[in-house]
Amino acid sequence: MENLQLIFTRLMGQYTEDQKLIEKYYSLIEKKYNSSKRHYHNLEHLSNLFAVLAPCRSLIISTEAVDFAIFYHDIFYNVSRKDNELKSAQFARKQLVPLGIPGVTIELISAHIEATQTHIRSTNNDTNLFTDADLSILGSNPGTYLQYTKSIRKEYNIYPEILYKPGRKKVVEHFLAMPRIFKTPYFYEHFESPARENLLSELHSLL
């Protein structure tokens, strides 16, 4: 997988030749995602998104918007807040608008980021591919999924078990109640069945 900083530098290079500015922007991203409070929503998560989207990249109409959305979608992540996605989208706008990125691309980036709040079907297939990729961890192998659940628990360590387990159970049941978790044919084919197996296994552990 290509280095994240190289990907970001190439993206930014379409709009600025100021290497110091590019380094400043990336350093801020690195600082946010390397926070000691992050155990899953970190730089590895970003790398995994690029990796999981690679086989279906040809299906994405605006790869630029999706790539920028990957970098900024969890720039704000506070487990006690419900506006992380909105704040992340607003921050992306603040950073990217001054670069002269076309308004239509900015709107796509914001829409992709805000869609991760609900992960519901969008009329934009790029958004669906992006949010499906964001959920692809649910359909990983059992060992990786178990590590994911442990990492999420660490991120929510401000909550005692008596509060965390019912909340997590509700999240798992929400996904299982969906007619289909993954909206696009590619992700449905590759991740739906293992995701349901993983979620059922986790649900049993929460009972």
Protein backbone atom coordinates (compact mmCIF):
# COMPACT_ATOMS: atom_id res chain seq x y z
CA MET A 1 0.00 0.00 0.00
CA GLU A 2 1.34 3.42 -0.98
CA ASN A 3 2.47 5.67 1.87
CA LEU A 4 -0.34 7.91 3.14
CA GLN A 5 1.80 11.02 3.02
CA LEU A 6 2.68 10.36 -0.63
CA ILE A 7 -1.00 9.96 -1.50
CA PHE A 8 -1.86 13.20 0.30
CA THR A 9 1.05 15.07 -1.29
CA ARG A 10 -0.07 13.95 -4.74
CA LEU A 11 -3.66 15.02 -4.03
CA MET A 12 -2.64 18.43 -2.76
CA GLY A 13 -0.11 18.83 -5.56
CA GLN A 14 -2.96 19.31 -8.01
CA TYR A 15 -3.74 22.63 -6.30
CA THR A 16 -0.54 23.94 -4.72
CA GLU A 17 3.19 23.69 -5.23
CA ASP A 18 3.82 24.93 -1.67
CA GLN A 19 5.48 21.89 -0.09
CA LYS A 20 5.58 23.55 3.34
CA LEU A 21 1.82 24.04 3.21
CA ILE A 22 1.30 20.42 2.16
CA GLU A 23 3.54 19.23 4.99
CA LYS A 24 1.67 21.49 7.43
CA TYR A 25 -1.67 20.05 6.37
CA TYR A 26 -0.44 16.47 6.57
CA SER A 27 1.24 17.02 9.95
CA LEU A 28 -2.10 18.15 11.35
CA ILE A 29 -3.82 15.05 9.96
CA GLU A 30 -1.07 12.88 11.43
CA LYS A 31 -1.37 14.59 14.82
CA LYS A 32 -5.15 14.12 14.95
CA TYR A 33 -5.14 10.46 13.92
CA ASN A 34 -2.15 9.60 16.13
CA SER A 35 -3.92 10.78 19.28
CA SER A 36 -3.36 8.41 22.21
CA LYS A 37 -7.15 8.18 22.57
CA ARG A 38 -7.46 6.52 19.16
CA HIS A 39 -7.10 2.77 18.92
CA TYR A 40 -9.11 2.07 15.77
CA HIS A 41 -9.85 5.45 14.15
CA ASN A 42 -6.19 6.10 13.41
CA LEU A 43 -3.83 6.24 10.43
CA GLU A 44 -4.06 2.48 9.99
CA HIS A 45 -7.80 2.90 9.44
CA LEU A 46 -7.06 5.36 6.63
CA SER A 47 -4.58 2.96 5.04
CA ASN A 48 -7.14 0.17 5.25
CA LEU A 49 -9.74 2.31 3.48
CA PHE A 50 -7.40 2.96 0.57
CA ALA A 51 -6.54 -0.74 0.44
CA VAL A 52 -10.13 -1.99 0.52
CA LEU A 53 -11.19 0.49 -2.17
CA ALA A 54 -8.29 -0.37 -4.47
CA PRO A 55 -9.98 -3.36 -6.19
CA CYS A 56 -13.08 -1.31 -7.02
CA ARG A 57 -11.39 2.03 -7.65
CA SER A 58 -12.48 1.93 -11.30
CA LEU A 59 -16.10 2.17 -10.09
CA ILE A 60 -15.47 5.54 -8.41
CA ILE A 61 -16.36 8.55 -10.56
CA SER A 62 -14.47 11.19 -8.52
CA THR A 63 -11.53 9.44 -6.87
CA GLU A 64 -10.20 12.83 -5.80
CA ALA A 65 -13.25 13.58 -3.65
CA VAL A 66 -13.22 10.10 -2.11
CA ASP A 67 -9.49 10.31 -1.38
CA PHE A 68 -9.81 13.67 0.36
CA ALA A 69 -12.82 12.33 2.29
CA ILE A 70 -10.74 9.41 3.55
CA PHE A 71 -8.16 11.77 5.03
CA TYR A 72 -10.67 14.08 6.70
CA HIS A 73 -13.67 11.90 7.61
CA ASP A 74 -12.51 11.17 11.18
CA ILE A 75 -10.34 14.24 11.72
CA PHE A 76 -12.63 14.99 14.67
CA TYR A 77 -13.39 11.94 16.79
CA ASN A 78 -14.75 12.34 20.30
CA VAL A 79 -16.78 9.39 21.58
CA SER A 80 -18.88 11.65 23.81
CA ARG A 81 -20.06 13.86 20.92
CA LYS A 82 -22.60 13.25 18.17
CA ASP A 83 -21.39 15.91 15.73
CA ASN A 84 -18.00 14.47 14.80
CA GLU A 85 -18.92 13.95 11.16
CA LEU A 86 -20.32 17.46 10.76
CA LYS A 87 -17.27 19.00 12.42
CA SER A 88 -14.96 16.91 10.26
CA ALA A 89 -16.77 18.00 7.10
CA GLN A 90 -16.63 21.64 8.17
CA PHE A 91 -12.92 21.35 8.90
CA ALA A 92 -12.29 19.78 5.49
CA ARG A 93 -14.05 22.72 3.87
CA LYS A 94 -11.99 25.21 5.88
CA GLN A 95 -8.75 23.52 4.81
CA LEU A 96 -9.56 22.81 1.18
CA VAL A 97 -11.64 25.76 -0.09
CA PRO A 98 -8.68 28.21 0.00
CA LEU A 99 -6.74 25.87 -2.32
CA GLY A 100 -9.15 26.60 -5.16
CA ILE A 101 -10.62 23.11 -5.30
CA PRO A 102 -13.83 23.26 -7.39
CA GLY A 103 -17.01 23.79 -5.41
CA VAL A 104 -18.60 20.62 -6.76
CA THR A 105 -15.65 18.59 -5.44
CA ILE A 106 -15.84 20.30 -2.04
CA GLU A 107 -19.55 19.45 -1.87
CA LEU A 108 -18.81 15.81 -2.69
CA ILE A 109 -16.09 15.61 -0.03
CA SER A 110 -18.45 17.07 2.58
CA ALA A 111 -21.29 14.75 1.55
CA HIS A 112 -19.06 11.68 1.77
CA ILE A 113 -17.85 12.65 5.24
CA GLU A 114 -21.28 13.53 6.63
CA ALA A 115 -22.70 10.25 5.25
CA THR A 116 -20.52 8.29 7.69
CA GLN A 117 -22.83 9.43 10.49
CA THR A 118 -25.63 7.12 9.34
CA HIS A 119 -24.13 5.00 6.52
CA ILE A 120 -27.54 4.95 4.83
CA ARG A 121 -27.92 4.62 1.06
CA SER A 122 -27.11 7.75 -0.92
CA THR A 123 -28.17 8.74 -4.43
CA ASN A 124 -24.44 9.15 -5.13
CA ASN A 125 -22.70 5.83 -5.76
CA ASP A 126 -19.30 7.24 -4.80
CA THR A 127 -20.73 8.01 -1.36
CA ASN A 128 -22.08 4.46 -1.12
CA LEU A 129 -18.70 2.97 -2.04
CA PHE A 130 -16.98 5.20 0.52
CA THR A 131 -19.36 4.41 3.38
CA ASP A 132 -19.32 0.70 2.49
CA ALA A 133 -15.53 0.78 2.68
CA ASP A 134 -15.81 2.49 6.07
CA LEU A 135 -17.90 -0.46 7.29
CA SER A 136 -15.80 -3.15 5.63
CA ILE A 137 -14.08 -3.97 8.94
CA LEU A 138 -17.37 -5.66 9.90
CA GLY A 139 -16.71 -8.25 7.19
CA SER A 140 -13.07 -8.90 8.03
CA ASN A 141 -11.72 -12.25 9.20
CA PRO A 142 -12.79 -13.23 12.76
CA GLY A 143 -9.39 -12.46 14.30
CA THR A 144 -9.25 -8.98 12.78
CA TYR A 145 -12.85 -8.35 13.80
CA LEU A 146 -12.12 -9.36 17.40
CA GLN A 147 -9.19 -6.93 17.49
CA TYR A 148 -11.48 -4.24 16.08
CA THR A 149 -14.01 -4.75 18.87
CA LYS A 150 -11.23 -4.52 21.47
CA SER A 151 -9.92 -1.33 19.89
CA ILE A 152 -13.38 0.25 19.87
CA ARG A 153 -13.80 -0.68 23.54
CA LYS A 154 -10.53 1.11 24.34
CA GLU A 155 -11.77 4.23 22.57
CA TYR A 156 -14.87 4.13 24.77
CA ASN A 157 -12.95 3.50 27.98
CA ILE A 158 -14.52 6.56 29.61
CA TYR A 159 -17.67 4.44 29.92
CA PRO A 160 -17.92 1.58 32.42
CA GLU A 161 -18.91 -1.87 31.17
CA ILE A 162 -22.42 -1.49 32.57
CA LEU A 163 -23.00 1.40 30.16
CA TYR A 164 -20.83 0.28 27.25
CA LYS A 165 -22.28 -3.19 26.70
CA PRO A 166 -25.93 -2.10 26.24
CA GLY A 167 -24.81 0.69 23.89
CA ARG A 168 -22.63 -1.61 21.84
CA LYS A 169 -25.39 -4.24 21.77
CA LYS A 170 -27.75 -1.65 20.29
CA VAL A 171 -25.22 -0.82 17.56
CA VAL A 172 -24.73 -4.50 16.67
CA GLU A 173 -28.49 -5.16 16.62
CA HIS A 174 -28.97 -2.10 14.40
CA PHE A 175 -26.63 -3.53 11.77
CA LEU A 176 -28.14 -7.01 11.98
CA ALA A 177 -31.65 -5.58 11.51
CA MET A 178 -30.69 -3.97 8.21
CA PRO A 179 -32.02 -5.78 5.11
CA ARG A 180 -28.47 -5.39 3.81
CA ILE A 181 -25.48 -3.75 5.50
CA PHE A 182 -23.56 -2.98 2.32
CA LYS A 183 -25.23 -0.86 -0.33
CA THR A 184 -23.04 -1.51 -3.38
CA PRO A 185 -22.88 -4.83 -5.26
CA TYR A 186 -19.10 -5.12 -4.83
CA PHE A 187 -19.08 -4.75 -1.05
CA TYR A 188 -22.27 -6.76 -0.61
CA GLU A 189 -20.75 -9.69 -2.47
CA HIS A 190 -17.45 -9.64 -0.59
CA PHE A 191 -18.38 -8.50 2.93
CA GLU A 192 -22.09 -9.03 3.74
CA SER A 193 -22.02 -12.68 4.86
CA PRO A 194 -18.86 -12.49 6.99
CA ALA A 195 -20.10 -9.23 8.51
CA ARG A 196 -23.31 -10.86 9.70
CA GLU A 197 -21.36 -13.82 11.11
CA ASN A 198 -19.04 -11.47 13.00
CA LEU A 199 -21.88 -9.35 14.31
CA LEU A 200 -23.85 -12.39 15.49
CA SER A 201 -20.77 -13.68 17.27
CA GLU A 202 -20.25 -10.33 18.98
CA LEU A 203 -23.93 -10.10 19.92
CA HIS A 204 -23.71 -13.47 21.69
CA SER A 205 -20.68 -12.22 23.62
CA LEU A 206 -22.64 -9.17 24.77
CA LEU A 207 -25.62 -11.12 26.14
